[in-house]
Every structure is written in C-alpha cells, then in structure tokens.
Amino acid sequence: MKGLLGIYDINPDGIIIEIEWAKFLVGSSLFIPCLNTREAVIQFRKISKQKGYEITYRVRIENGRYGVRIWRDV
C-alpha cells in the first residue's frame, strides 16, 4: 500500500524507499541517496540481519548525490 512503511522498507529521511530484496543477490550493491546515512545503515542492517544477509557499506557521493552504497556479502 502506497504511503505506508512496509516491514522491509526503509525511510532514513522520512521518505519511504522500497528495496527490491529479491534482486539484492550476493555480490550486488545498491545506492541509497539520503542525508541521514547513519539511520539508513541502522535500518538496512536491521532488515539484513532478519534476512540472514551480511553487508558492507560506505558513505559516498555518487553522481552528485550524497548517500550510502551497500553491498551484499552473504
């Protein structure tokens, strides 16, 4: 349902970001543009732990946007 935070969605800056978890395979990465990178990582790590995923992350600027890149390790 639009406008509601789903169980596997994140919202580090108050805007809901729907992650396509089925496409987040081992070795893949995604970039989450946001200002509150700390909260993005906290939320993403919580969901990753529930799913049994191990991740690596780096705060970065990509294409002029500030955010966090997250890689799935296992």
N, C-alpha and C. Protein backbone atom coordinates (compact mmCIF):
# COMPACT_ATOMS: atom_id res chain seq x y z
N MET A 1 0.84 -1.18 0.00
CA MET A 1 0.00 0.00 0.00
C MET A 1 0.89 1.24 0.00
N LYS A 2 0.63 2.16 -0.88
CA LYS A 2 1.42 3.38 -1.00
C LYS A 2 1.26 4.24 0.24
N GLY A 3 2.37 4.88 0.65
CA GLY A 3 2.33 5.79 1.78
C GLY A 3 2.57 5.16 3.13
N LEU A 4 2.59 3.85 3.21
CA LEU A 4 2.82 3.16 4.47
C LEU A 4 4.16 2.44 4.43
N LEU A 5 4.89 2.51 5.51
CA LEU A 5 6.18 1.85 5.60
C LEU A 5 5.97 0.35 5.75
N GLY A 6 6.46 -0.40 4.76
CA GLY A 6 6.35 -1.85 4.81
C GLY A 6 7.41 -2.44 5.74
N ILE A 7 7.26 -3.69 6.08
CA ILE A 7 8.16 -4.35 7.03
C ILE A 7 9.60 -4.37 6.53
N TYR A 8 9.82 -4.40 5.22
CA TYR A 8 11.18 -4.43 4.66
C TYR A 8 11.53 -3.17 3.89
N ASP A 9 10.85 -2.07 4.17
CA ASP A 9 11.18 -0.78 3.58
C ASP A 9 12.02 0.03 4.58
N ILE A 10 12.71 1.03 4.07
CA ILE A 10 13.45 1.93 4.95
C ILE A 10 13.00 3.37 4.69
N ASN A 11 13.26 4.26 5.65
CA ASN A 11 12.89 5.67 5.50
C ASN A 11 13.84 6.57 6.30
N PRO A 12 15.11 6.59 5.93
CA PRO A 12 16.09 7.33 6.73
C PRO A 12 15.84 8.84 6.79
N ASP A 13 15.27 9.42 5.77
CA ASP A 13 14.99 10.87 5.75
C ASP A 13 13.49 11.15 5.82
N GLY A 14 12.71 10.14 6.17
CA GLY A 14 11.27 10.31 6.24
C GLY A 14 10.55 10.00 4.94
N ILE A 15 11.30 9.63 3.91
CA ILE A 15 10.73 9.26 2.62
C ILE A 15 10.90 7.75 2.46
N ILE A 16 9.83 7.05 2.17
CA ILE A 16 9.88 5.59 2.08
C ILE A 16 10.66 5.15 0.85
N ILE A 17 11.60 4.24 1.07
CA ILE A 17 12.38 3.63 0.00
C ILE A 17 12.08 2.14 0.01
N GLU A 18 11.50 1.66 -1.08
CA GLU A 18 11.19 0.24 -1.21
C GLU A 18 12.38 -0.47 -1.83
N ILE A 19 12.93 -1.43 -1.13
CA ILE A 19 14.07 -2.20 -1.62
C ILE A 19 13.55 -3.46 -2.30
N GLU A 20 14.06 -3.74 -3.48
CA GLU A 20 13.70 -4.99 -4.17
C GLU A 20 14.64 -6.08 -3.66
N TRP A 21 14.28 -6.66 -2.53
CA TRP A 21 15.14 -7.63 -1.86
C TRP A 21 15.42 -8.87 -2.71
N ALA A 22 14.49 -9.27 -3.55
CA ALA A 22 14.70 -10.44 -4.41
C ALA A 22 15.83 -10.22 -5.40
N LYS A 23 16.12 -8.97 -5.73
CA LYS A 23 17.20 -8.65 -6.66
C LYS A 23 18.51 -8.33 -5.95
N PHE A 24 18.49 -8.29 -4.62
CA PHE A 24 19.69 -7.96 -3.85
C PHE A 24 20.45 -9.26 -3.57
N LEU A 25 21.15 -9.74 -4.59
CA LEU A 25 21.85 -11.02 -4.54
C LEU A 25 23.27 -10.85 -4.00
N VAL A 26 23.88 -11.96 -3.61
CA VAL A 26 25.27 -11.93 -3.15
C VAL A 26 26.15 -11.31 -4.23
N GLY A 27 26.96 -10.33 -3.85
CA GLY A 27 27.85 -9.66 -4.79
C GLY A 27 27.25 -8.40 -5.41
N SER A 28 25.96 -8.20 -5.22
CA SER A 28 25.33 -7.00 -5.79
C SER A 28 25.40 -5.85 -4.79
N SER A 29 25.09 -4.66 -5.29
CA SER A 29 25.08 -3.49 -4.42
C SER A 29 23.97 -2.56 -4.83
N LEU A 30 23.64 -1.64 -3.95
CA LEU A 30 22.66 -0.61 -4.27
C LEU A 30 23.06 0.68 -3.57
N PHE A 31 22.66 1.79 -4.16
CA PHE A 31 22.95 3.10 -3.61
C PHE A 31 21.66 3.71 -3.09
N ILE A 32 21.70 4.15 -1.86
CA ILE A 32 20.55 4.80 -1.24
C ILE A 32 20.88 6.27 -1.07
N PRO A 33 20.29 7.14 -1.89
CA PRO A 33 20.55 8.57 -1.72
C PRO A 33 19.80 9.08 -0.50
N CYS A 34 20.53 9.67 0.44
CA CYS A 34 19.91 10.19 1.66
C CYS A 34 20.89 11.09 2.39
N LEU A 35 20.38 11.93 3.25
CA LEU A 35 21.23 12.76 4.10
C LEU A 35 21.57 12.06 5.40
N ASN A 36 20.60 11.34 5.95
CA ASN A 36 20.79 10.65 7.23
C ASN A 36 21.34 9.25 6.96
N THR A 37 22.61 9.20 6.59
CA THR A 37 23.22 7.92 6.23
C THR A 37 23.31 6.98 7.43
N ARG A 38 23.49 7.54 8.60
CA ARG A 38 23.56 6.70 9.81
C ARG A 38 22.26 5.93 10.00
N GLU A 39 21.13 6.62 9.87
CA GLU A 39 19.83 5.97 10.03
C GLU A 39 19.58 4.97 8.90
N ALA A 40 20.01 5.28 7.69
CA ALA A 40 19.86 4.35 6.58
C ALA A 40 20.59 3.04 6.88
N VAL A 41 21.80 3.15 7.39
CA VAL A 41 22.59 1.95 7.70
C VAL A 41 21.94 1.18 8.85
N ILE A 42 21.48 1.88 9.88
CA ILE A 42 20.82 1.20 11.01
C ILE A 42 19.61 0.42 10.53
N GLN A 43 18.76 1.06 9.73
CA GLN A 43 17.56 0.39 9.23
C GLN A 43 17.90 -0.77 8.31
N PHE A 44 18.86 -0.56 7.41
CA PHE A 44 19.24 -1.60 6.46
C PHE A 44 19.87 -2.79 7.19
N ARG A 45 20.72 -2.52 8.17
CA ARG A 45 21.36 -3.61 8.93
C ARG A 45 20.33 -4.44 9.69
N LYS A 46 19.31 -3.78 10.24
CA LYS A 46 18.26 -4.49 10.98
C LYS A 46 17.53 -5.48 10.07
N ILE A 47 17.15 -5.01 8.88
CA ILE A 47 16.44 -5.88 7.94
C ILE A 47 17.37 -6.98 7.42
N SER A 48 18.61 -6.63 7.12
CA SER A 48 19.58 -7.61 6.64
C SER A 48 19.79 -8.72 7.66
N LYS A 49 19.84 -8.36 8.92
CA LYS A 49 20.02 -9.36 9.98
C LYS A 49 18.82 -10.31 10.02
N GLN A 50 17.61 -9.76 9.88
CA GLN A 50 16.40 -10.59 9.86
C GLN A 50 16.42 -11.56 8.70
N LYS A 51 16.97 -11.13 7.56
CA LYS A 51 17.02 -11.96 6.37
C LYS A 51 18.25 -12.87 6.34
N GLY A 52 19.18 -12.70 7.28
CA GLY A 52 20.39 -13.52 7.31
C GLY A 52 21.46 -13.06 6.34
N TYR A 53 21.41 -11.80 5.91
CA TYR A 53 22.39 -11.25 4.97
C TYR A 53 23.52 -10.59 5.73
N GLU A 54 24.72 -10.68 5.18
CA GLU A 54 25.85 -9.89 5.67
C GLU A 54 26.12 -8.81 4.64
N ILE A 55 26.38 -7.60 5.14
CA ILE A 55 26.55 -6.47 4.23
C ILE A 55 27.81 -5.68 4.57
N THR A 56 28.26 -4.93 3.59
CA THR A 56 29.32 -3.94 3.73
C THR A 56 28.75 -2.64 3.21
N TYR A 57 29.12 -1.52 3.81
CA TYR A 57 28.58 -0.25 3.34
C TYR A 57 29.65 0.84 3.38
N ARG A 58 29.45 1.85 2.56
CA ARG A 58 30.32 3.03 2.52
C ARG A 58 29.46 4.25 2.25
N VAL A 59 29.67 5.30 3.01
CA VAL A 59 29.03 6.58 2.75
C VAL A 59 29.79 7.22 1.60
N ARG A 60 29.05 7.70 0.59
CA ARG A 60 29.68 8.18 -0.64
C ARG A 60 28.87 9.29 -1.28
N ILE A 61 29.50 9.93 -2.24
CA ILE A 61 28.81 10.84 -3.15
C ILE A 61 28.91 10.20 -4.53
N GLU A 62 27.75 9.92 -5.12
CA GLU A 62 27.70 9.31 -6.45
C GLU A 62 26.80 10.16 -7.35
N ASN A 63 27.31 10.51 -8.51
CA ASN A 63 26.56 11.33 -9.46
C ASN A 63 26.01 12.59 -8.79
N GLY A 64 26.81 13.17 -7.90
CA GLY A 64 26.42 14.40 -7.23
C GLY A 64 25.43 14.22 -6.09
N ARG A 65 25.13 12.99 -5.73
CA ARG A 65 24.18 12.72 -4.63
C ARG A 65 24.90 12.08 -3.45
N TYR A 66 24.57 12.56 -2.27
CA TYR A 66 25.12 12.03 -1.02
C TYR A 66 24.26 10.86 -0.58
N GLY A 67 24.88 9.81 -0.09
CA GLY A 67 24.12 8.65 0.37
C GLY A 67 25.04 7.54 0.81
N VAL A 68 24.52 6.33 0.78
CA VAL A 68 25.28 5.16 1.22
C VAL A 68 25.14 4.05 0.18
N ARG A 69 26.28 3.43 -0.18
CA ARG A 69 26.28 2.27 -1.06
C ARG A 69 26.41 1.05 -0.16
N ILE A 70 25.57 0.06 -0.42
CA ILE A 70 25.53 -1.16 0.38
C ILE A 70 25.74 -2.35 -0.54
N TRP A 71 26.67 -3.22 -0.14
CA TRP A 71 26.96 -4.45 -0.88
C TRP A 71 26.48 -5.64 -0.06
N ARG A 72 25.95 -6.65 -0.73
CA ARG A 72 25.57 -7.89 -0.04
C ARG A 72 26.74 -8.86 -0.15
N ASP A 73 27.26 -9.26 1.00
CA ASP A 73 28.38 -10.19 1.05
C ASP A 73 27.91 -11.64 1.08
N VAL A 74 26.96 -11.96 1.93
CA VAL A 74 26.46 -13.33 2.04
C VAL A 74 24.97 -13.29 2.30
